Structures are given as structure tokens and as C-alpha cells.
C-alpha atoms as a PDB file:
ATOM      1  CA  UNK A   1       0.000   0.000   0.000  1.00  0.00           C
ATOM      2  CA  UNK A   2       1.275   3.505  -0.815  1.00  0.00           C
ATOM      3  CA  UNK A   3       2.898   5.457   2.004  1.00  0.00           C
ATOM      4  CA  UNK A   4       4.055   9.031   2.219  1.00  0.00           C
ATOM      5  CA  UNK A   5       7.750   9.581   2.550  1.00  0.00           C
ATOM      6  CA  UNK A   6       8.678  12.788   4.367  1.00  0.00           C
ATOM      7  CA  UNK A   7      11.704  15.031   4.134  1.00  0.00           C
ATOM      8  CA  UNK A   8      12.668  16.498   7.527  1.00  0.00           C
ATOM      9  CA  UNK A   9      13.626  20.140   7.992  1.00  0.00           C
ATOM     10  CA  UNK A  10      15.200  21.271  11.259  1.00  0.00           C
ATOM     11  CA  UNK A  11      13.480  24.545  12.167  1.00  0.00           C
ATOM     12  CA  UNK A  12      16.324  25.170  14.584  1.00  0.00           C
ATOM     13  CA  UNK A  13      16.345  27.772  17.318  1.00  0.00           C
ATOM     14  CA  UNK A  14      17.016  31.478  17.808  1.00  0.00           C
ATOM     15  CA  UNK A  15      20.568  32.810  18.300  1.00  0.00           C
ATOM     16  CA  UNK A  16      21.810  31.854  21.735  1.00  0.00           C
ATOM     17  CA  UNK A  17      19.021  29.348  22.216  1.00  0.00           C
ATOM     18  CA  UNK A  18      19.254  25.590  22.612  1.00  0.00           C
ATOM     19  CA  UNK A  19      15.683  24.337  22.111  1.00  0.00           C
ATOM     20  CA  UNK A  20      12.484  25.085  20.236  1.00  0.00           C
ATOM     21  CA  UNK A  21       8.903  23.868  19.829  1.00  0.00           C
ATOM     22  CA  UNK A  22       6.777  23.948  16.684  1.00  0.00           C
ATOM     23  CA  UNK A  23       3.103  24.713  17.347  1.00  0.00           C
ATOM     24  CA  UNK A  24       1.370  25.643  14.104  1.00  0.00           C
ATOM     25  CA  UNK A  25       1.775  25.874  10.323  1.00  0.00           C
ATOM     26  CA  UNK A  26      -0.113  27.951   7.776  1.00  0.00           C
ATOM     27  CA  UNK A  27      -1.256  26.707   4.386  1.00  0.00           C
ATOM     28  CA  UNK A  28       1.611  28.784   2.959  1.00  0.00           C
ATOM     29  CA  UNK A  29       4.132  26.750   4.955  1.00  0.00           C
ATOM     30  CA  UNK A  30       4.975  29.350   7.612  1.00  0.00           C
ATOM     31  CA  UNK A  31       5.785  27.818  11.001  1.00  0.00           C
ATOM     32  CA  UNK A  32       5.349  29.436  14.416  1.00  0.00           C
ATOM     33  CA  UNK A  33       6.417  28.330  17.844  1.00  0.00           C
ATOM     34  CA  UNK A  34       8.697  29.221  20.708  1.00  0.00           C
ATOM     35  CA  UNK A  35      12.430  28.972  21.302  1.00  0.00           C
ATOM     36  CA  UNK A  36      14.269  29.112  24.600  1.00  0.00           C
ATOM     37  CA  UNK A  37      16.826  31.928  24.589  1.00  0.00           C
ATOM     38  CA  UNK A  38      17.733  32.027  28.293  1.00  0.00           C
ATOM     39  CA  UNK A  39      16.958  30.148  31.467  1.00  0.00           C
ATOM     40  CA  UNK A  40      13.188  30.340  31.888  1.00  0.00           C
ATOM     41  CA  UNK A  41      12.722  32.738  28.957  1.00  0.00           C
ATOM     42  CA  UNK A  42      11.128  31.691  25.695  1.00  0.00           C
ATOM     43  CA  UNK A  43      10.608  33.779  22.608  1.00  0.00           C
ATOM     44  CA  UNK A  44       7.939  33.563  19.911  1.00  0.00           C
ATOM     45  CA  UNK A  45       9.223  32.955  16.394  1.00  0.00           C
ATOM     46  CA  UNK A  46       8.021  32.606  12.819  1.00  0.00           C
ATOM     47  CA  UNK A  47       9.873  30.715  10.112  1.00  0.00           C
ATOM     48  CA  UNK A  48       9.082  31.371   6.450  1.00  0.00           C
ATOM     49  CA  UNK A  49       9.445  28.555   3.898  1.00  0.00           C
ATOM     50  CA  UNK A  50      13.132  28.161   3.194  1.00  0.00           C
ATOM     51  CA  UNK A  51      13.963  31.009   5.569  1.00  0.00           C
ATOM     52  CA  UNK A  52      15.445  31.501   8.997  1.00  0.00           C
ATOM     53  CA  UNK A  53      13.641  32.019  12.266  1.00  0.00           C
ATOM     54  CA  UNK A  54      12.525  35.556  13.030  1.00  0.00           C
ATOM     55  CA  UNK A  55      12.227  36.607  16.665  1.00  0.00           C
ATOM     56  CA  UNK A  56       8.755  38.112  17.139  1.00  0.00           C
ATOM     57  CA  UNK A  57       9.709  39.937  20.298  1.00  0.00           C
ATOM     58  CA  UNK A  58       7.549  40.647  23.330  1.00  0.00           C
ATOM     59  CA  UNK A  59       5.066  43.209  24.553  1.00  0.00           C
ATOM     60  CA  UNK A  60       6.828  46.365  25.843  1.00  0.00           C
ATOM     61  CA  UNK A  61       8.939  45.484  28.868  1.00  0.00           C
ATOM     62  CA  UNK A  62       8.276  41.753  28.611  1.00  0.00           C
ATOM     63  CA  UNK A  63      10.945  39.067  28.726  1.00  0.00           C
ATOM     64  CA  UNK A  64       9.204  36.079  27.151  1.00  0.00           C
ATOM     65  CA  UNK A  65       6.590  35.244  24.521  1.00  0.00           C
ATOM     66  CA  UNK A  66       5.121  32.326  22.593  1.00  0.00           C
ATOM     67  CA  UNK A  67       3.410  32.003  19.200  1.00  0.00           C
ATOM     68  CA  UNK A  68       0.676  29.359  19.120  1.00  0.00           C
ATOM     69  CA  UNK A  69      -1.207  29.871  15.850  1.00  0.00           C
ATOM     70  CA  UNK A  70      -0.869  31.400  12.392  1.00  0.00           C
ATOM     71  CA  UNK A  71      -3.479  32.052   9.708  1.00  0.00           C
ATOM     72  CA  UNK A  72      -3.150  31.737   5.936  1.00  0.00           C
ATOM     73  CA  UNK A  73      -2.947  35.547   5.889  1.00  0.00           C
ATOM     74  CA  UNK A  74       0.119  35.495   8.153  1.00  0.00           C
ATOM     75  CA  UNK A  75      -1.583  36.815  11.289  1.00  0.00           C
ATOM     76  CA  UNK A  76      -0.051  35.209  14.398  1.00  0.00           C
ATOM     77  CA  UNK A  77      -1.610  34.599  17.822  1.00  0.00           C
ATOM     78  CA  UNK A  78       0.097  33.901  21.115  1.00  0.00           C
ATOM     79  CA  UNK A  79       1.013  35.524  24.399  1.00  0.00           C
ATOM     80  CA  UNK A  80       3.688  37.601  26.101  1.00  0.00           C
ATOM     81  CA  UNK A  81       4.774  38.944  29.448  1.00  0.00           C
ATOM     82  CA  UNK A  82       4.667  42.718  29.679  1.00  0.00           C
ATOM     83  CA  UNK A  83       6.019  45.786  31.475  1.00  0.00           C
ATOM     84  CA  UNK A  84       6.146  45.505  35.244  1.00  0.00           C
ATOM     85  CA  UNK A  85       4.680  41.994  35.299  1.00  0.00           C
ATOM     86  CA  UNK A  86       7.214  39.193  35.150  1.00  0.00           C
ATOM     87  CA  UNK A  87       4.625  36.629  36.233  1.00  0.00           C
ATOM     88  CA  UNK A  88       1.611  37.606  34.133  1.00  0.00           C
ATOM     89  CA  UNK A  89       0.892  36.981  30.476  1.00  0.00           C
ATOM     90  CA  UNK A  90      -1.441  38.708  28.014  1.00  0.00           C
ATOM     91  CA  UNK A  91      -2.854  37.367  24.774  1.00  0.00           C
ATOM     92  CA  UNK A  92      -1.437  39.168  21.759  1.00  0.00           C
ATOM     93  CA  UNK A  93      -1.364  39.136  17.973  1.00  0.00           C
ATOM     94  CA  UNK A  94       1.296  39.932  15.397  1.00  0.00           C
ATOM     95  CA  UNK A  95       0.066  41.308  12.081  1.00  0.00           C
ATOM     96  CA  UNK A  96       1.608  43.066   9.104  1.00  0.00           C
ATOM     97  CA  UNK A  97       5.192  42.596  10.271  1.00  0.00           C
ATOM     98  CA  UNK A  98       4.730  44.819  13.328  1.00  0.00           C
ATOM     99  CA  UNK A  99       5.426  44.015  16.950  1.00  0.00           C
ATOM    100  CA  UNK A 100       2.873  42.307  19.202  1.00  0.00           C
ATOM    101  CA  UNK A 101      -0.488  43.935  19.929  1.00  0.00           C
ATOM    102  CA  UNK A 102      -1.902  43.324  23.408  1.00  0.00           C
ATOM    103  CA  UNK A 103      -5.532  42.189  23.189  1.00  0.00           C
ATOM    104  CA  UNK A 104      -5.963  42.096  26.963  1.00  0.00           C
ATOM    105  CA  UNK A 105      -8.044  39.821  29.177  1.00  0.00           C
ATOM    106  CA  UNK A 106     -11.680  39.270  30.008  1.00  0.00           C
ATOM    107  CA  UNK A 107     -13.006  41.714  32.656  1.00  0.00           C
ATOM    108  CA  UNK A 108     -11.610  41.038  36.129  1.00  0.00           C
ATOM    109  CA  UNK A 109      -8.780  38.754  34.967  1.00  0.00           C
ATOM    110  CA  UNK A 110      -5.043  39.366  34.917  1.00  0.00           C
ATOM    111  CA  UNK A 111      -3.744  36.558  32.694  1.00  0.00           C
ATOM    112  CA  UNK A 112      -4.600  35.453  29.169  1.00  0.00           C
ATOM    113  CA  UNK A 113      -3.173  33.687  26.158  1.00  0.00           C
ATOM    114  CA  UNK A 114      -4.235  33.240  22.538  1.00  0.00           C
ATOM    115  CA  UNK A 115      -4.126  29.768  21.004  1.00  0.00           C
ATOM    116  CA  UNK A 116      -5.261  30.076  17.377  1.00  0.00           C
ATOM    117  CA  UNK A 117      -6.264  32.543  14.652  1.00  0.00           C
ATOM    118  CA  UNK A 118      -8.243  32.086  11.431  1.00  0.00           C
ATOM    119  CA  UNK A 119      -8.308  33.734   8.006  1.00  0.00           C
ATOM    120  CA  UNK A 120     -11.008  36.171   9.186  1.00  0.00           C
ATOM    121  CA  UNK A 121      -8.761  37.522  11.938  1.00  0.00           C
ATOM    122  CA  UNK A 122     -10.721  35.835  14.723  1.00  0.00           C
ATOM    123  CA  UNK A 123      -8.613  34.701  17.678  1.00  0.00           C
ATOM    124  CA  UNK A 124      -9.441  32.188  20.415  1.00  0.00           C
ATOM    125  CA  UNK A 125      -7.757  31.756  23.765  1.00  0.00           C
ATOM    126  CA  UNK A 126      -8.191  31.627  27.510  1.00  0.00           C
ATOM    127  CA  UNK A 127      -8.358  34.189  30.301  1.00  0.00           C
ATOM    128  CA  UNK A 128      -8.120  33.779  34.065  1.00  0.00           C
ATOM    129  CA  UNK A 129      -7.496  35.422  37.422  1.00  0.00           C
ATOM    130  CA  UNK A 130      -4.179  33.973  38.618  1.00  0.00           C
ATOM    131  CA  UNK A 131      -5.323  33.326  42.184  1.00  0.00           C
ATOM    132  CA  UNK A 132      -8.739  31.773  42.723  1.00  0.00           C
ATOM    133  CA  UNK A 133     -10.101  32.479  39.276  1.00  0.00           C
ATOM    134  CA  UNK A 134     -11.911  30.276  36.797  1.00  0.00           C
ATOM    135  CA  UNK A 135     -10.502  29.521  33.357  1.00  0.00           C
ATOM    136  CA  UNK A 136     -12.635  31.370  30.788  1.00  0.00           C
ATOM    137  CA  UNK A 137     -12.638  30.737  27.040  1.00  0.00           C
ATOM    138  CA  UNK A 138     -12.853  33.667  24.644  1.00  0.00           C
ATOM    139  CA  UNK A 139     -13.085  34.595  20.997  1.00  0.00           C
ATOM    140  CA  UNK A 140     -11.669  37.946  19.856  1.00  0.00           C
ATOM    141  CA  UNK A 141     -11.982  40.031  16.709  1.00  0.00           C
ATOM    142  CA  UNK A 142     -10.929  43.595  15.926  1.00  0.00           C
ATOM    143  CA  UNK A 143     -14.547  44.605  15.424  1.00  0.00           C
ATOM    144  CA  UNK A 144     -16.132  42.935  18.457  1.00  0.00           C
ATOM    145  CA  UNK A 145     -13.251  42.741  20.915  1.00  0.00           C
ATOM    146  CA  UNK A 146     -12.972  39.874  23.413  1.00  0.00           C
ATOM    147  CA  UNK A 147     -16.151  37.854  24.039  1.00  0.00           C
ATOM    148  CA  UNK A 148     -16.458  35.094  26.634  1.00  0.00           C
ATOM    149  CA  UNK A 149     -17.864  31.766  25.417  1.00  0.00           C
ATOM    150  CA  UNK A 150     -21.002  31.013  27.421  1.00  0.00           C
ATOM    151  CA  UNK A 151     -20.802  27.786  29.433  1.00  0.00           C
ATOM    152  CA  UNK A 152     -23.312  24.974  29.518  1.00  0.00           C
ATOM    153  CA  UNK A 153     -25.102  24.396  32.860  1.00  0.00           C
ATOM    154  CA  UNK A 154     -23.028  22.461  35.403  1.00  0.00           C
ATOM    155  CA  UNK A 155     -19.632  23.662  34.143  1.00  0.00           C
ATOM    156  CA  UNK A 156     -17.455  26.323  35.760  1.00  0.00           C
ATOM    157  CA  UNK A 157     -14.325  26.455  33.571  1.00  0.00           C
ATOM    158  CA  UNK A 158     -13.568  26.263  29.867  1.00  0.00           C
ATOM    159  CA  UNK A 159     -10.511  26.478  27.650  1.00  0.00           C
ATOM    160  CA  UNK A 160     -10.097  26.728  23.889  1.00  0.00           C
ATOM    161  CA  UNK A 161      -7.552  24.995  21.652  1.00  0.00           C
ATOM    162  CA  UNK A 162      -8.341  25.930  18.065  1.00  0.00           C
ATOM    163  CA  UNK A 163     -10.845  27.248  15.534  1.00  0.00           C
ATOM    164  CA  UNK A 164     -11.540  26.953  11.815  1.00  0.00           C
ATOM    165  CA  UNK A 165     -12.139  29.586   9.144  1.00  0.00           C
ATOM    166  CA  UNK A 166     -15.895  29.432   9.806  1.00  0.00           C
ATOM    167  CA  UNK A 167     -15.388  30.542  13.400  1.00  0.00           C
ATOM    168  CA  UNK A 168     -16.176  27.139  14.908  1.00  0.00           C
ATOM    169  CA  UNK A 169     -14.099  26.744  18.066  1.00  0.00           C
ATOM    170  CA  UNK A 170     -13.046  23.620  19.971  1.00  0.00           C
ATOM    171  CA  UNK A 171     -11.846  23.074  23.515  1.00  0.00           C
ATOM    172  CA  UNK A 172     -12.820  21.562  26.840  1.00  0.00           C
ATOM    173  CA  UNK A 173     -14.934  22.443  29.854  1.00  0.00           C
ATOM    174  CA  UNK A 174     -14.955  21.178  33.428  1.00  0.00           C
ATOM    175  CA  UNK A 175     -17.158  21.386  36.490  1.00  0.00           C
ATOM    176  CA  UNK A 176     -17.075  20.339  40.138  1.00  0.00           C
ATOM    177  CA  UNK A 177     -18.977  17.123  39.409  1.00  0.00           C
ATOM    178  CA  UNK A 178     -17.889  16.442  35.831  1.00  0.00           C
ATOM    179  CA  UNK A 179     -14.737  15.174  34.138  1.00  0.00           C
ATOM    180  CA  UNK A 180     -13.271  17.239  31.316  1.00  0.00           C
ATOM    181  CA  UNK A 181     -15.608  17.364  28.314  1.00  0.00           C
ATOM    182  CA  UNK A 182     -14.651  18.389  24.785  1.00  0.00           C
ATOM    183  CA  UNK A 183     -16.844  20.960  23.081  1.00  0.00           C
ATOM    184  CA  UNK A 184     -17.528  22.682  19.771  1.00  0.00           C
ATOM    185  CA  UNK A 185     -18.731  26.294  19.863  1.00  0.00           C
ATOM    186  CA  UNK A 186     -20.194  28.508  17.159  1.00  0.00           C
ATOM    187  CA  UNK A 187     -21.904  31.885  17.248  1.00  0.00           C
ATOM    188  CA  UNK A 188     -25.136  30.430  15.903  1.00  0.00           C
ATOM    189  CA  UNK A 189     -25.382  27.334  18.103  1.00  0.00           C
ATOM    190  CA  UNK A 190     -23.287  28.161  21.165  1.00  0.00           C
ATOM    191  CA  UNK A 191     -21.479  25.377  23.013  1.00  0.00           C
ATOM    192  CA  UNK A 192     -22.099  21.690  22.234  1.00  0.00           C
ATOM    193  CA  UNK A 193     -20.355  18.752  23.927  1.00  0.00           C
ATOM    194  CA  UNK A 194     -18.719  16.271  21.539  1.00  0.00           C
ATOM    195  CA  UNK A 195     -19.109  13.285  23.853  1.00  0.00           C
ATOM    196  CA  UNK A 196     -16.698  10.428  24.479  1.00  0.00           C
ATOM    197  CA  UNK A 197     -15.870   7.017  23.047  1.00  0.00           C
ATOM    198  CA  UNK A 198     -18.180   4.144  24.111  1.00  0.00           C
ATOM    199  CA  UNK A 199     -17.716   3.544  27.830  1.00  0.00           C
ATOM    200  CA  UNK A 200     -15.712   6.725  28.220  1.00  0.00           C
ATOM    201  CA  UNK A 201     -16.394   9.688  30.501  1.00  0.00           C
ATOM    202  CA  UNK A 202     -13.748  12.314  29.690  1.00  0.00           C
ATOM    203  CA  UNK A 203     -12.805  13.918  26.378  1.00  0.00           C
ATOM    204  CA  UNK A 204     -10.938  16.865  24.882  1.00  0.00           C
ATOM    205  CA  UNK A 205     -11.530  18.517  21.481  1.00  0.00           C
ATOM    206  CA  UNK A 206      -8.217  19.912  20.216  1.00  0.00           C
ATOM    207  CA  UNK A 207      -8.374  20.497  16.456  1.00  0.00           C
ATOM    208  CA  UNK A 208     -11.036  21.267  13.831  1.00  0.00           C
ATOM    209  CA  UNK A 209     -10.930  21.622  10.042  1.00  0.00           C
ATOM    210  CA  UNK A 210     -13.122  23.656   7.696  1.00  0.00           C
ATOM    211  CA  UNK A 211     -15.356  20.622   7.101  1.00  0.00           C
ATOM    212  CA  UNK A 212     -16.288  20.601  10.784  1.00  0.00           C
ATOM    213  CA  UNK A 213     -14.370  17.399  11.575  1.00  0.00           C
ATOM    214  CA  UNK A 214     -12.962  17.483  15.114  1.00  0.00           C
ATOM    215  CA  UNK A 215     -10.014  15.622  16.615  1.00  0.00           C
ATOM    216  CA  UNK A 216      -8.841  15.139  20.180  1.00  0.00           C
ATOM    217  CA  UNK A 217      -8.924  12.364  22.742  1.00  0.00           C
ATOM    218  CA  UNK A 218     -11.224  10.354  24.978  1.00  0.00           C
ATOM    219  CA  UNK A 219     -10.863   7.726  27.655  1.00  0.00           C
ATOM    220  CA  UNK A 220     -12.680   4.385  27.373  1.00  0.00           C
ATOM    221  CA  UNK A 221     -13.873   4.139  30.953  1.00  0.00           C
ATOM    222  CA  UNK A 222     -12.673   4.388  34.548  1.00  0.00           C
ATOM    223  CA  UNK A 223      -8.928   3.872  34.897  1.00  0.00           C
ATOM    224  CA  UNK A 224      -8.239   3.804  31.157  1.00  0.00           C
ATOM    225  CA  UNK A 225      -5.806   5.993  29.221  1.00  0.00           C
ATOM    226  CA  UNK A 226      -6.848   8.277  26.393  1.00  0.00           C
ATOM    227  CA  UNK A 227      -7.171   7.277  22.744  1.00  0.00           C
ATOM    228  CA  UNK A 228      -6.976   9.647  19.783  1.00  0.00           C
ATOM    229  CA  UNK A 229     -10.443  10.410  18.399  1.00  0.00           C
ATOM    230  CA  UNK A 230     -11.948  11.789  15.209  1.00  0.00           C
ATOM    231  CA  UNK A 231     -15.491  13.155  15.505  1.00  0.00           C
ATOM    232  CA  UNK A 232     -17.019  13.206  12.021  1.00  0.00           C
ATOM    233  CA  UNK A 233     -19.429  15.837  10.689  1.00  0.00           C
ATOM    234  CA  UNK A 234     -22.364  13.801  12.017  1.00  0.00           C
ATOM    235  CA  UNK A 235     -20.837  13.918  15.504  1.00  0.00           C
ATOM    236  CA  UNK A 236     -19.871  10.219  15.623  1.00  0.00           C
ATOM    237  CA  UNK A 237     -16.672   9.445  17.556  1.00  0.00           C
ATOM    238  CA  UNK A 238     -14.094   7.182  15.872  1.00  0.00           C
ATOM    239  CA  UNK A 239     -11.296   5.583  17.902  1.00  0.00           C
ATOM    240  CA  UNK A 240      -8.058   6.103  15.934  1.00  0.00           C
ATOM    241  CA  UNK A 241      -6.254   3.447  17.949  1.00  0.00           C
ATOM    242  CA  UNK A 242      -2.716   3.106  19.301  1.00  0.00           C
ATOM    243  CA  UNK A 243       0.782   2.745  17.924  1.00  0.00           C
ATOM    244  CA  UNK A 244       2.241  -0.802  18.183  1.00  0.00           C
ATOM    245  CA  UNK A 245       2.819  -1.629  21.838  1.00  0.00           C
ATOM    246  CA  UNK A 246       1.272   1.673  22.910  1.00  0.00           C
ATOM    247  CA  UNK A 247      -1.071   2.468  25.796  1.00  0.00           C
ATOM    248  CA  UNK A 248      -2.239   6.023  24.926  1.00  0.00           C
ATOM    249  CA  UNK A 249      -2.626   8.373  21.985  1.00  0.00           C
ATOM    250  CA  UNK A 250      -3.912  11.876  21.289  1.00  0.00           C
ATOM    251  CA  UNK A 251      -4.831  13.821  18.153  1.00  0.00           C
ATOM    252  CA  UNK A 252      -3.944  17.525  17.863  1.00  0.00           C
ATOM    253  CA  UNK A 253      -4.527  18.612  14.271  1.00  0.00           C
ATOM    254  CA  UNK A 254      -6.554  17.681  11.170  1.00  0.00           C
ATOM    255  CA  UNK A 255      -6.494  19.146   7.672  1.00  0.00           C
ATOM    256  CA  UNK A 256      -9.364  19.498   5.215  1.00  0.00           C
ATOM    257  CA  UNK A 257      -8.542  16.096   3.664  1.00  0.00           C
ATOM    258  CA  UNK A 258      -8.960  14.284   6.994  1.00  0.00           C
ATOM    259  CA  UNK A 259      -5.266  13.689   7.708  1.00  0.00           C
ATOM    260  CA  UNK A 260      -4.793  13.645  11.485  1.00  0.00           C
ATOM    261  CA  UNK A 261      -1.584  14.210  13.455  1.00  0.00           C
ATOM    262  CA  UNK A 262      -0.749  13.803  17.121  1.00  0.00           C
ATOM    263  CA  UNK A 263       1.356  11.708  19.461  1.00  0.00           C
ATOM    264  CA  UNK A 264       1.284   8.483  21.446  1.00  0.00           C
ATOM    265  CA  UNK A 265       3.552   6.049  23.187  1.00  0.00           C
ATOM    266  CA  UNK A 266       4.821   2.757  21.805  1.00  0.00           C
ATOM    267  CA  UNK A 267       6.798  -0.223  23.008  1.00  0.00           C
ATOM    268  CA  UNK A 268      10.128   1.652  22.899  1.00  0.00           C
ATOM    269  CA  UNK A 269       9.230   5.292  23.581  1.00  0.00           C
ATOM    270  CA  UNK A 270       7.044   7.373  25.891  1.00  0.00           C
ATOM    271  CA  UNK A 271       6.082   9.780  23.070  1.00  0.00           C
ATOM    272  CA  UNK A 272       6.179   9.373  19.289  1.00  0.00           C
ATOM    273  CA  UNK A 273       4.694  11.621  16.616  1.00  0.00           C
ATOM    274  CA  UNK A 274       1.849   9.923  14.766  1.00  0.00           C
ATOM    275  CA  UNK A 275      -0.259  10.313  11.645  1.00  0.00           C
ATOM    276  CA  UNK A 276      -3.629   8.799  10.786  1.00  0.00           C
ATOM    277  CA  UNK A 277      -5.734   8.668   7.638  1.00  0.00           C
ATOM    278  CA  UNK A 278      -8.693   6.583   6.575  1.00  0.00           C
ATOM    279  CA  UNK A 279      -6.595   4.530   4.127  1.00  0.00           C
ATOM    280  CA  UNK A 280      -3.584   3.553   6.221  1.00  0.00           C
ATOM    281  CA  UNK A 281      -4.817   3.966   9.780  1.00  0.00           C
ATOM    282  CA  UNK A 282      -2.460   5.070  12.549  1.00  0.00           C
ATOM    283  CA  UNK A 283       1.302   5.142  11.865  1.00  0.00           C
ATOM    284  CA  UNK A 284       4.471   6.240  13.602  1.00  0.00           C
ATOM    285  CA  UNK A 285       5.895   9.203  11.673  1.00  0.00           C
ATOM    286  CA  UNK A 286       9.385   8.049  12.620  1.00  0.00           C
ATOM    287  CA  UNK A 287       8.923   5.124  10.230  1.00  0.00           C
ATOM    288  CA  UNK A 288       8.126   7.524   7.351  1.00  0.00           C
ATOM    289  CA  UNK A 289      11.334   9.577   7.435  1.00  0.00           C
ATOM    290  CA  UNK A 290      14.852   8.520   6.381  1.00  0.00           C
ATOM    291  CA  UNK A 291      16.302   6.065   8.912  1.00  0.00           C
ATOM    292  CA  UNK A 292      19.559   8.011   8.878  1.00  0.00           C
ATOM    293  CA  UNK A 293      17.987  11.397   9.666  1.00  0.00           C
ATOM    294  CA  UNK A 294      19.087  11.383  13.308  1.00  0.00           C
ATOM    295  CA  UNK A 295      15.631  12.557  14.402  1.00  0.00           C
ATOM    296  CA  UNK A 296      13.230  11.183  16.983  1.00  0.00           C
ATOM    297  CA  UNK A 297       9.897  12.828  16.236  1.00  0.00           C
ATOM    298  CA  UNK A 298       8.005  13.076  19.518  1.00  0.00           C
ATOM    299  CA  UNK A 299       4.932  15.193  18.837  1.00  0.00           C
ATOM    300  CA  UNK A 300       3.123  16.317  15.658  1.00  0.00           C
ATOM    301  CA  UNK A 301       1.026  19.406  16.357  1.00  0.00           C
ATOM    302  CA  UNK A 302      -0.473  20.556  13.059  1.00  0.00           C
ATOM    303  CA  UNK A 303      -0.863  19.612   9.381  1.00  0.00           C
ATOM    304  CA  UNK A 304      -1.658  21.982   6.515  1.00  0.00           C
ATOM    305  CA  UNK A 305      -3.538  21.565   3.236  1.00  0.00           C
ATOM    306  CA  UNK A 306      -0.338  20.433   1.465  1.00  0.00           C
ATOM    307  CA  UNK A 307       0.255  17.680   4.026  1.00  0.00           C
ATOM    308  CA  UNK A 308       3.187  19.467   5.669  1.00  0.00           C
ATOM    309  CA  UNK A 309       3.473  18.661   9.370  1.00  0.00           C
ATOM    310  CA  UNK A 310       5.001  20.686  12.189  1.00  0.00           C
ATOM    311  CA  UNK A 311       5.946  19.443  15.617  1.00  0.00           C
ATOM    312  CA  UNK A 312       8.731  18.841  18.109  1.00  0.00           C
ATOM    313  CA  UNK A 313      11.414  16.163  18.355  1.00  0.00           C
ATOM    314  CA  UNK A 314      15.024  15.602  19.287  1.00  0.00           C
ATOM    315  CA  UNK A 315      18.078  15.765  17.026  1.00  0.00           C
ATOM    316  CA  UNK A 316      21.709  15.857  18.077  1.00  0.00           C
ATOM    317  CA  UNK A 317      20.649  15.618  21.706  1.00  0.00           C
ATOM    318  CA  UNK A 318      18.560  18.820  21.549  1.00  0.00           C
ATOM    319  CA  UNK A 319      14.824  19.489  21.372  1.00  0.00           C
ATOM    320  CA  UNK A 320      13.955  21.251  18.114  1.00  0.00           C
ATOM    321  CA  UNK A 321      10.901  22.122  16.078  1.00  0.00           C
ATOM    322  CA  UNK A 322      10.620  20.133  12.843  1.00  0.00           C
ATOM    323  CA  UNK A 323       8.845  20.461   9.515  1.00  0.00           C
ATOM    324  CA  UNK A 324       7.923  17.373   7.500  1.00  0.00           C
ATOM    325  CA  UNK A 325       7.264  17.768   3.797  1.00  0.00           C
ATOM    326  CA  UNK A 326       5.815  14.900   1.701  1.00  0.00           C
ATOM    327  CA  UNK A 327       8.047  14.508  -1.351  1.00  0.00           C
ATOM    328  CA  UNK A 328       7.119  11.199  -2.974  1.00  0.00           C
ATOM    329  CA  UNK A 329       5.182   7.973  -2.641  1.00  0.00           C
ATOM    330  CA  UNK A 330       6.734   4.607  -1.805  1.00  0.00           C
END
């Protein structure tokens, strides 16, 4: 059966840094993430196709930042520390090649972070009061500002992970008497729980494509570990399985063609990057790159329309962001 064969690109790290993480990739092949530049200090970066990493900087007076999402238009979402507040973070965006713009917090909170941005310039993230506050999910746009996502009855906290170009948002919510539950939110329908695999109680919705297909994870019952899940457009949950010898798996990203990426353990490793599609099922991405590459791919975070995959692994004894590009069929 045909298999993709991937070329591996080392995204590298910023000058003076020794590690990096890859969090998102646009359909144009731009990668964003964070790189450690000093003890305890990370810095948001963007890497253009074939180019070097560009330090995105911080909010005025800040010492660390992180980029979590990028749209096809090149708008970037993330978070940064800021002047006079070494321990607090604000959600921010980078747009048009300028420095970060602080988009603030929900009323009464002092911490926030942005997780994803779509082609319409909508941003999703989370806001909280550091001490004693609930986690609150938000969607932001330039026109409407920051709007809290209304919770379903019985839940007290919610967090977002991603959104698609239609504004549909995915995440999780929790309550005092409920395990974590994955949700899909839209302006027209509000919040809807995605449910769990048969026998399961807890779930998390992490990625969504423009077809409305959702990926994440679910347990299978009390005491069980999570399995990667695809919720189809009808809302049915499909168990994507485990890598050989594995005990857990999780899905983080899905493109419009239904290719899913994530991570899971296997017989010889606690975390391996994985890929799933309807034709070939679940596979270890480490088996689809040259055996002599020197890489151990640990986590695949996102996949774009071209099938390029971004994530984090180790090479030469260091943790680096990677980019996989499909270049032929075997």
C-alpha cells in the first residue's frame, strides 16, 4: 500500500538558544512556535518557507513570549509577558510585520493567552485570574473585541484549543462534578459537547478543520488511558487506535482532507509523533522519514492543506521544532 515519505527540515532555534517547539503551520508553509533563549525565557518565532527564524519579540517590557497559531494571511496569535509583570501573560497578535499587539483579558482577569487565529482575523484563547479564578474561554476580533464563550449548565471552567475559518471553536470544559468534556462552539449554536468514546467519561476537542471534523482524545472508561479520536461531521466518535505496543494516543490537528496528526507512546518510547488517515490507519511518523535522519519525532502538532506537518522532536541531543514535507510515494 502507498505510504508518504517525508523530508525532515530542522526549524532550529534562535541565536543563543538551545531548544524550540513547533506549534502551528499555515497553508503557505509558515511555522510558528517558541524557542528558549535564556533560562526560563522563551521567545515567539516565525519561520518562512526556506527562511530563517525571526524573533517576534515581546510586549513592551516583557521578557518572554510564545506564538501558538498562524493564519493563511500570516496573522499570528500567542502571548507575552509585559512591562512591570514578570509573572503575568497577556494574549497578543502579530500582524503586518509589526510588533505584538496586546488584546488584553476578560473583565476582572489578569492573565490570558491566545491559542489560534483564522483567516477572518478571529482569535481564540483563555483568560483567568491567577489566584482563585476560573478559566474562561474567549473569541476575539478587531470589530467585536474579546467575548467570553457562554458555558453549559453544570460547568465552571472552559478552555479553547483551536478554531476553523468558519469561526467554529473547539476546547474543553470542566465542572465540580464532571470530568473534562470536549466541546464545539459557534456563534449560531453556542457550546455543544462532543461526547466520548463508548464507555468513556472524559474527552478533549483539540483540532477542527473547515469541514467541521474534530479531533482530540477520549478515555474508554474508569482507569483507562486516552485514545486519539476523530469526531465526524455527524458527531460520531471514531477511535483512531494506538501505535504498536502503545497504551495512549492523542490527536492535535486535522487538515481538510482528513489527515490527522498527534502523538502516542509505543513499546520503545514514551512519546512518538503519529499520523492517521482513513486509508492507512495510525502510523508512527518516525517510520516515514529517512532512517539516517538522526531525528526522533516526539509530537506532531499541526498539518496543513499540502500535508506538511510541524511538531517537536530531538536531534543531536537537543529538542527542536521540525517540519515534515511529503516529497514522494513509496
